[in-house]
């Protein structure tokens, strides 16, 4: 059985994965020549965005109200 300390550790780990996925996606958008070329996301960017969205949904399901707001859509609608 996990106690409060274990649950808190899981939440931090989940947020770390979520933050890392977001940073990876945003970095890719800034540095990818193909994404910059025509203003649309390439396949790699789509995969990174999907990964971020999946982590966000998992975090929302596991913590409820802490993740009620939608994920940031920084340049995701390219």
PDB file of N, CA and C in Angstrom:
ATOM      1  N   UNK A   1       0.842  -1.171   0.000  1.00  0.00           N
ATOM      2  CA  UNK A   1       0.000   0.000   0.000  1.00  0.00           C
ATOM      3  C   UNK A   1       0.893   1.243   0.000  1.00  0.00           C
ATOM      4  N   UNK A   2       0.549   2.221  -0.822  1.00  0.00           N
ATOM      5  CA  UNK A   2       1.358   3.436  -0.855  1.00  0.00           C
ATOM      6  C   UNK A   2       0.741   4.497   0.044  1.00  0.00           C
ATOM      7  N   UNK A   3       1.605   5.207   0.732  1.00  0.00           N
ATOM      8  CA  UNK A   3       1.159   6.258   1.623  1.00  0.00           C
ATOM      9  C   UNK A   3       1.161   7.597   0.931  1.00  0.00           C
ATOM     10  N   UNK A   4       0.878   8.662   1.681  1.00  0.00           N
ATOM     11  CA  UNK A   4       0.840  10.004   1.109  1.00  0.00           C
ATOM     12  C   UNK A   4       2.165  10.418   0.462  1.00  0.00           C
ATOM     13  N   UNK A   5       3.276  10.020   1.048  1.00  0.00           N
ATOM     14  CA  UNK A   5       4.576  10.387   0.487  1.00  0.00           C
ATOM     15  C   UNK A   5       4.777   9.732  -0.882  1.00  0.00           C
ATOM     16  N   UNK A   6       4.349   8.490  -1.019  1.00  0.00           N
ATOM     17  CA  UNK A   6       4.458   7.791  -2.298  1.00  0.00           C
ATOM     18  C   UNK A   6       3.573   8.445  -3.356  1.00  0.00           C
ATOM     19  N   UNK A   7       2.351   8.823  -2.970  1.00  0.00           N
ATOM     20  CA  UNK A   7       1.437   9.468  -3.909  1.00  0.00           C
ATOM     21  C   UNK A   7       2.006  10.801  -4.381  1.00  0.00           C
ATOM     22  N   UNK A   8       2.592  11.559  -3.465  1.00  0.00           N
ATOM     23  CA  UNK A   8       3.180  12.847  -3.820  1.00  0.00           C
ATOM     24  C   UNK A   8       4.355  12.649  -4.783  1.00  0.00           C
ATOM     25  N   UNK A   9       5.140  11.616  -4.549  1.00  0.00           N
ATOM     26  CA  UNK A   9       6.269  11.313  -5.426  1.00  0.00           C
ATOM     27  C   UNK A   9       5.772  10.969  -6.833  1.00  0.00           C
ATOM     28  N   UNK A  10       4.672  10.211  -6.916  1.00  0.00           N
ATOM     29  CA  UNK A  10       4.086   9.858  -8.207  1.00  0.00           C
ATOM     30  C   UNK A  10       3.584  11.089  -8.948  1.00  0.00           C
ATOM     31  N   UNK A  11       2.981  12.014  -8.227  1.00  0.00           N
ATOM     32  CA  UNK A  11       2.482  13.247  -8.840  1.00  0.00           C
ATOM     33  C   UNK A  11       3.645  14.054  -9.397  1.00  0.00           C
ATOM     34  N   UNK A  12       4.713  14.174  -8.620  1.00  0.00           N
ATOM     35  CA  UNK A  12       5.888  14.929  -9.101  1.00  0.00           C
ATOM     36  C   UNK A  12       6.481  14.273 -10.341  1.00  0.00           C
ATOM     37  N   UNK A  13       6.571  12.963 -10.329  1.00  0.00           N
ATOM     38  CA  UNK A  13       7.115  12.246 -11.485  1.00  0.00           C
ATOM     39  C   UNK A  13       6.225  12.457 -12.701  1.00  0.00           C
ATOM     40  N   UNK A  14       4.920  12.419 -12.512  1.00  0.00           N
ATOM     41  CA  UNK A  14       3.985  12.654 -13.612  1.00  0.00           C
ATOM     42  C   UNK A  14       4.125  14.052 -14.185  1.00  0.00           C
ATOM     43  N   UNK A  15       4.286  15.026 -13.302  1.00  0.00           N
ATOM     44  CA  UNK A  15       4.461  16.403 -13.774  1.00  0.00           C
ATOM     45  C   UNK A  15       5.797  16.567 -14.478  1.00  0.00           C
ATOM     46  N   UNK A  16       6.822  15.859 -14.011  1.00  0.00           N
ATOM     47  CA  UNK A  16       8.120  15.916 -14.689  1.00  0.00           C
ATOM     48  C   UNK A  16       8.004  15.378 -16.106  1.00  0.00           C
ATOM     49  N   UNK A  17       7.309  14.255 -16.275  1.00  0.00           N
ATOM     50  CA  UNK A  17       7.109  13.697 -17.609  1.00  0.00           C
ATOM     51  C   UNK A  17       6.298  14.661 -18.473  1.00  0.00           C
ATOM     52  N   UNK A  18       5.278  15.243 -17.885  1.00  0.00           N
ATOM     53  CA  UNK A  18       4.429  16.187 -18.606  1.00  0.00           C
ATOM     54  C   UNK A  18       5.240  17.403 -19.051  1.00  0.00           C
ATOM     55  N   UNK A  19       6.022  17.968 -18.137  1.00  0.00           N
ATOM     56  CA  UNK A  19       6.857  19.131 -18.470  1.00  0.00           C
ATOM     57  C   UNK A  19       7.897  18.785 -19.525  1.00  0.00           C
ATOM     58  N   UNK A  20       8.501  17.618 -19.410  1.00  0.00           N
ATOM     59  CA  UNK A  20       9.518  17.208 -20.384  1.00  0.00           C
ATOM     60  C   UNK A  20       8.903  17.026 -21.776  1.00  0.00           C
ATOM     61  N   UNK A  21       7.711  16.450 -21.827  1.00  0.00           N
ATOM     62  CA  UNK A  21       7.028  16.270 -23.109  1.00  0.00           C
ATOM     63  C   UNK A  21       6.675  17.617 -23.729  1.00  0.00           C
ATOM     64  N   UNK A  22       6.218  18.555 -22.906  1.00  0.00           N
ATOM     65  CA  UNK A  22       5.872  19.891 -23.410  1.00  0.00           C
ATOM     66  C   UNK A  22       7.099  20.610 -23.935  1.00  0.00           C
ATOM     67  N   UNK A  23       8.186  20.567 -23.178  1.00  0.00           N
ATOM     68  CA  UNK A  23       9.423  21.223 -23.589  1.00  0.00           C
ATOM     69  C   UNK A  23       9.965  20.601 -24.881  1.00  0.00           C
ATOM     70  N   UNK A  24       9.892  19.291 -24.986  1.00  0.00           N
ATOM     71  CA  UNK A  24      10.358  18.617 -26.206  1.00  0.00           C
ATOM     72  C   UNK A  24       9.559  19.082 -27.418  1.00  0.00           C
ATOM     73  N   UNK A  25       8.258  19.157 -27.275  1.00  0.00           N
ATOM     74  CA  UNK A  25       7.395  19.601 -28.372  1.00  0.00           C
ATOM     75  C   UNK A  25       7.699  21.047 -28.761  1.00  0.00           C
ATOM     76  N   UNK A  26       7.765  21.927 -27.772  1.00  0.00           N
ATOM     77  CA  UNK A  26       8.018  23.341 -28.056  1.00  0.00           C
ATOM     78  C   UNK A  26       9.400  23.554 -28.659  1.00  0.00           C
ATOM     79  N   UNK A  27      10.388  22.829 -28.168  1.00  0.00           N
ATOM     80  CA  UNK A  27      11.742  22.931 -28.721  1.00  0.00           C
ATOM     81  C   UNK A  27      11.762  22.464 -30.170  1.00  0.00           C
ATOM     82  N   UNK A  28      11.077  21.380 -30.432  1.00  0.00           N
ATOM     83  CA  UNK A  28      11.026  20.874 -31.802  1.00  0.00           C
ATOM     84  C   UNK A  28      10.418  21.916 -32.741  1.00  0.00           C
ATOM     85  N   UNK A  29       9.326  22.534 -32.326  1.00  0.00           N
ATOM     86  CA  UNK A  29       8.686  23.532 -33.181  1.00  0.00           C
ATOM     87  C   UNK A  29       9.623  24.696 -33.497  1.00  0.00           C
ATOM     88  N   UNK A  30      10.448  25.064 -32.532  1.00  0.00           N
ATOM     89  CA  UNK A  30      11.376  26.179 -32.743  1.00  0.00           C
ATOM     90  C   UNK A  30      12.564  25.797 -33.615  1.00  0.00           C
ATOM     91  N   UNK A  31      12.957  24.544 -33.596  1.00  0.00           N
ATOM     92  CA  UNK A  31      14.211  24.163 -34.252  1.00  0.00           C
ATOM     93  C   UNK A  31      14.038  23.340 -35.528  1.00  0.00           C
ATOM     94  N   UNK A  32      12.863  22.853 -35.811  1.00  0.00           N
ATOM     95  CA  UNK A  32      12.652  22.002 -36.986  1.00  0.00           C
ATOM     96  C   UNK A  32      12.508  22.854 -38.250  1.00  0.00           C
ATOM     97  N   UNK A  33      13.353  22.603 -39.212  1.00  0.00           N
ATOM     98  CA  UNK A  33      13.309  23.351 -40.470  1.00  0.00           C
ATOM     99  C   UNK A  33      11.997  23.097 -41.205  1.00  0.00           C
ATOM    100  N   UNK A  34      11.518  21.877 -41.190  1.00  0.00           N
ATOM    101  CA  UNK A  34      10.284  21.546 -41.903  1.00  0.00           C
ATOM    102  C   UNK A  34       9.076  22.249 -41.271  1.00  0.00           C
ATOM    103  N   UNK A  35       9.019  22.292 -39.940  1.00  0.00           N
ATOM    104  CA  UNK A  35       7.908  22.979 -39.268  1.00  0.00           C
ATOM    105  C   UNK A  35       7.952  24.479 -39.566  1.00  0.00           C
ATOM    106  N   UNK A  36       9.141  25.051 -39.593  1.00  0.00           N
ATOM    107  CA  UNK A  36       9.295  26.483 -39.847  1.00  0.00           C
ATOM    108  C   UNK A  36       9.046  26.833 -41.311  1.00  0.00           C
ATOM    109  N   UNK A  37       9.308  25.896 -42.208  1.00  0.00           N
ATOM    110  CA  UNK A  37       9.239  26.150 -43.644  1.00  0.00           C
ATOM    111  C   UNK A  37       7.854  26.582 -44.114  1.00  0.00           C
ATOM    112  N   UNK A  38       6.847  25.794 -43.796  1.00  0.00           N
ATOM    113  CA  UNK A  38       5.518  26.129 -44.300  1.00  0.00           C
ATOM    114  C   UNK A  38       4.488  26.388 -43.207  1.00  0.00           C
ATOM    115  N   UNK A  39       4.931  26.472 -41.959  1.00  0.00           N
ATOM    116  CA  UNK A  39       4.031  26.802 -40.865  1.00  0.00           C
ATOM    117  C   UNK A  39       3.139  25.664 -40.406  1.00  0.00           C
ATOM    118  N   UNK A  40       3.367  24.465 -40.929  1.00  0.00           N
ATOM    119  CA  UNK A  40       2.608  23.295 -40.484  1.00  0.00           C
ATOM    120  C   UNK A  40       3.540  22.367 -39.721  1.00  0.00           C
ATOM    121  N   UNK A  41       2.951  21.561 -38.850  1.00  0.00           N
ATOM    122  CA  UNK A  41       3.781  20.646 -38.065  1.00  0.00           C
ATOM    123  C   UNK A  41       4.136  19.408 -38.883  1.00  0.00           C
ATOM    124  N   UNK A  42       5.348  18.927 -38.703  1.00  0.00           N
ATOM    125  CA  UNK A  42       5.790  17.702 -39.366  1.00  0.00           C
ATOM    126  C   UNK A  42       5.304  16.499 -38.559  1.00  0.00           C
ATOM    127  N   UNK A  43       5.579  15.307 -39.054  1.00  0.00           N
ATOM    128  CA  UNK A  43       5.134  14.092 -38.372  1.00  0.00           C
ATOM    129  C   UNK A  43       5.753  13.942 -36.986  1.00  0.00           C
ATOM    130  N   UNK A  44       7.015  14.323 -36.864  1.00  0.00           N
ATOM    131  CA  UNK A  44       7.678  14.220 -35.550  1.00  0.00           C
ATOM    132  C   UNK A  44       6.994  15.146 -34.550  1.00  0.00           C
ATOM    133  N   UNK A  45       6.647  16.359 -34.982  1.00  0.00           N
ATOM    134  CA  UNK A  45       5.966  17.300 -34.094  1.00  0.00           C
ATOM    135  C   UNK A  45       4.603  16.765 -33.690  1.00  0.00           C
ATOM    136  N   UNK A  46       3.902  16.150 -34.627  1.00  0.00           N
ATOM    137  CA  UNK A  46       2.600  15.557 -34.311  1.00  0.00           C
ATOM    138  C   UNK A  46       2.737  14.459 -33.265  1.00  0.00           C
ATOM    139  N   UNK A  47       3.764  13.646 -33.390  1.00  0.00           N
ATOM    140  CA  UNK A  47       4.002  12.580 -32.417  1.00  0.00           C
ATOM    141  C   UNK A  47       4.339  13.159 -31.036  1.00  0.00           C
ATOM    142  N   UNK A  48       5.189  14.190 -31.006  1.00  0.00           N
ATOM    143  CA  UNK A  48       5.537  14.828 -29.734  1.00  0.00           C
ATOM    144  C   UNK A  48       4.309  15.468 -29.089  1.00  0.00           C
ATOM    145  N   UNK A  49       3.456  16.086 -29.882  1.00  0.00           N
ATOM    146  CA  UNK A  49       2.234  16.699 -29.354  1.00  0.00           C
ATOM    147  C   UNK A  49       1.295  15.628 -28.810  1.00  0.00           C
ATOM    148  N   UNK A  50       1.174  14.528 -29.535  1.00  0.00           N
ATOM    149  CA  UNK A  50       0.326  13.427 -29.081  1.00  0.00           C
ATOM    150  C   UNK A  50       0.841  12.860 -27.758  1.00  0.00           C
ATOM    151  N   UNK A  51       2.156  12.738 -27.643  1.00  0.00           N
ATOM    152  CA  UNK A  51       2.759  12.250 -26.402  1.00  0.00           C
ATOM    153  C   UNK A  51       2.435  13.189 -25.249  1.00  0.00           C
ATOM    154  N   UNK A  52       2.608  14.498 -25.490  1.00  0.00           N
ATOM    155  CA  UNK A  52       2.286  15.496 -24.458  1.00  0.00           C
ATOM    156  C   UNK A  52       0.807  15.386 -24.064  1.00  0.00           C
ATOM    157  N   UNK A  53      -0.075  15.323 -25.051  1.00  0.00           N
ATOM    158  CA  UNK A  53      -1.509  15.237 -24.762  1.00  0.00           C
ATOM    159  C   UNK A  53      -1.849  13.992 -23.954  1.00  0.00           C
ATOM    160  N   UNK A  54      -1.211  12.872 -24.265  1.00  0.00           N
ATOM    161  CA  UNK A  54      -1.458  11.638 -23.512  1.00  0.00           C
ATOM    162  C   UNK A  54      -0.995  11.753 -22.067  1.00  0.00           C
ATOM    163  N   UNK A  55       0.179  12.354 -21.845  1.00  0.00           N
ATOM    164  CA  UNK A  55       0.642  12.567 -20.471  1.00  0.00           C
ATOM    165  C   UNK A  55      -0.299  13.510 -19.731  1.00  0.00           C
ATOM    166  N   UNK A  56      -0.764  14.544 -20.425  1.00  0.00           N
ATOM    167  CA  UNK A  56      -1.674  15.509 -19.800  1.00  0.00           C
ATOM    168  C   UNK A  56      -2.970  14.820 -19.392  1.00  0.00           C
ATOM    169  N   UNK A  57      -3.531  14.004 -20.281  1.00  0.00           N
ATOM    170  CA  UNK A  57      -4.770  13.279 -19.957  1.00  0.00           C
ATOM    171  C   UNK A  57      -4.573  12.324 -18.786  1.00  0.00           C
ATOM    172  N   UNK A  58      -3.451  11.633 -18.775  1.00  0.00           N
ATOM    173  CA  UNK A  58      -3.175  10.703 -17.674  1.00  0.00           C
ATOM    174  C   UNK A  58      -3.050  11.454 -16.352  1.00  0.00           C
ATOM    175  N   UNK A  59      -2.389  12.599 -16.380  1.00  0.00           N
ATOM    176  CA  UNK A  59      -2.241  13.399 -15.165  1.00  0.00           C
ATOM    177  C   UNK A  59      -3.601  13.914 -14.706  1.00  0.00           C
ATOM    178  N   UNK A  60      -4.408  14.319 -15.653  1.00  0.00           N
ATOM    179  CA  UNK A  60      -5.742  14.823 -15.319  1.00  0.00           C
ATOM    180  C   UNK A  60      -6.596  13.728 -14.692  1.00  0.00           C
ATOM    181  N   UNK A  61      -6.540  12.533 -15.261  1.00  0.00           N
ATOM    182  CA  UNK A  61      -7.322  11.420 -14.709  1.00  0.00           C
ATOM    183  C   UNK A  61      -6.858  11.063 -13.301  1.00  0.00           C
ATOM    184  N   UNK A  62      -5.547  11.096 -13.080  1.00  0.00           N
ATOM    185  CA  UNK A  62      -5.040  10.655 -11.782  1.00  0.00           C
ATOM    186  C   UNK A  62      -5.198  11.705 -10.690  1.00  0.00           C
ATOM    187  N   UNK A  63      -5.273  12.962 -11.060  1.00  0.00           N
ATOM    188  CA  UNK A  63      -5.353  14.005 -10.045  1.00  0.00           C
ATOM    189  C   UNK A  63      -6.592  14.868 -10.109  1.00  0.00           C
ATOM    190  N   UNK A  64      -7.436  14.680 -11.065  1.00  0.00           N
ATOM    191  CA  UNK A  64      -8.708  15.391 -11.125  1.00  0.00           C
ATOM    192  C   UNK A  64      -8.576  16.894 -11.232  1.00  0.00           C
ATOM    193  N   UNK A  65      -8.979  17.599 -10.201  1.00  0.00           N
ATOM    194  CA  UNK A  65      -9.085  19.056 -10.224  1.00  0.00           C
ATOM    195  C   UNK A  65      -7.753  19.766 -10.451  1.00  0.00           C
ATOM    196  N   UNK A  66      -6.650  19.129 -10.121  1.00  0.00           N
ATOM    197  CA  UNK A  66      -5.344  19.778 -10.299  1.00  0.00           C
ATOM    198  C   UNK A  66      -5.046  20.029 -11.767  1.00  0.00           C
ATOM    199  N   UNK A  67      -5.695  19.310 -12.669  1.00  0.00           N
ATOM    200  CA  UNK A  67      -5.437  19.458 -14.098  1.00  0.00           C
ATOM    201  C   UNK A  67      -6.719  19.764 -14.865  1.00  0.00           C
ATOM    202  N   UNK A  68      -7.606  20.544 -14.281  1.00  0.00           N
ATOM    203  CA  UNK A  68      -8.883  20.848 -14.942  1.00  0.00           C
ATOM    204  C   UNK A  68      -8.721  21.752 -16.155  1.00  0.00           C
ATOM    205  N   UNK A  69      -7.688  22.567 -16.186  1.00  0.00           N
ATOM    206  CA  UNK A  69      -7.516  23.467 -17.320  1.00  0.00           C
ATOM    207  C   UNK A  69      -6.903  22.723 -18.494  1.00  0.00           C
ATOM    208  N   UNK A  70      -7.220  23.169 -19.672  1.00  0.00           N
ATOM    209  CA  UNK A  70      -6.709  22.522 -20.889  1.00  0.00           C
ATOM    210  C   UNK A  70      -5.213  22.756 -21.026  1.00  0.00           C
ATOM    211  N   UNK A  71      -4.511  21.858 -21.714  1.00  0.00           N
ATOM    212  CA  UNK A  71      -3.077  22.054 -21.931  1.00  0.00           C
ATOM    213  C   UNK A  71      -2.841  23.285 -22.797  1.00  0.00           C
ATOM    214  N   UNK A  72      -1.698  23.885 -22.606  1.00  0.00           N
ATOM    215  CA  UNK A  72      -1.349  25.047 -23.409  1.00  0.00           C
ATOM    216  C   UNK A  72      -1.238  24.636 -24.861  1.00  0.00           C
ATOM    217  N   UNK A  73      -1.793  25.439 -25.723  1.00  0.00           N
ATOM    218  CA  UNK A  73      -1.746  25.145 -27.151  1.00  0.00           C
ATOM    219  C   UNK A  73      -0.779  26.074 -27.836  1.00  0.00           C
ATOM    220  N   UNK A  74       0.383  26.239 -27.268  1.00  0.00           N
ATOM    221  CA  UNK A  74       1.393  27.089 -27.868  1.00  0.00           C
ATOM    222  C   UNK A  74       1.791  26.537 -29.221  1.00  0.00           C
ATOM    223  N   UNK A  75       1.351  27.183 -30.254  1.00  0.00           N
ATOM    224  CA  UNK A  75       1.691  26.840 -31.619  1.00  0.00           C
ATOM    225  C   UNK A  75       1.256  25.441 -32.022  1.00  0.00           C
ATOM    226  N   UNK A  76       0.365  24.834 -31.273  1.00  0.00           N
ATOM    227  CA  UNK A  76      -0.033  23.463 -31.591  1.00  0.00           C
ATOM    228  C   UNK A  76      -1.015  23.406 -32.758  1.00  0.00           C
ATOM    229  N   UNK A  77      -1.616  24.525 -33.105  1.00  0.00           N
ATOM    230  CA  UNK A  77      -2.604  24.534 -34.179  1.00  0.00           C
ATOM    231  C   UNK A  77      -2.000  24.909 -35.522  1.00  0.00           C
ATOM    232  N   UNK A  78      -0.710  24.784 -35.627  1.00  0.00           N
ATOM    233  CA  UNK A  78      -0.044  25.122 -36.884  1.00  0.00           C
ATOM    234  C   UNK A  78      -0.531  24.248 -37.988  1.00  0.00           C
TER     235      UNK A  78
END
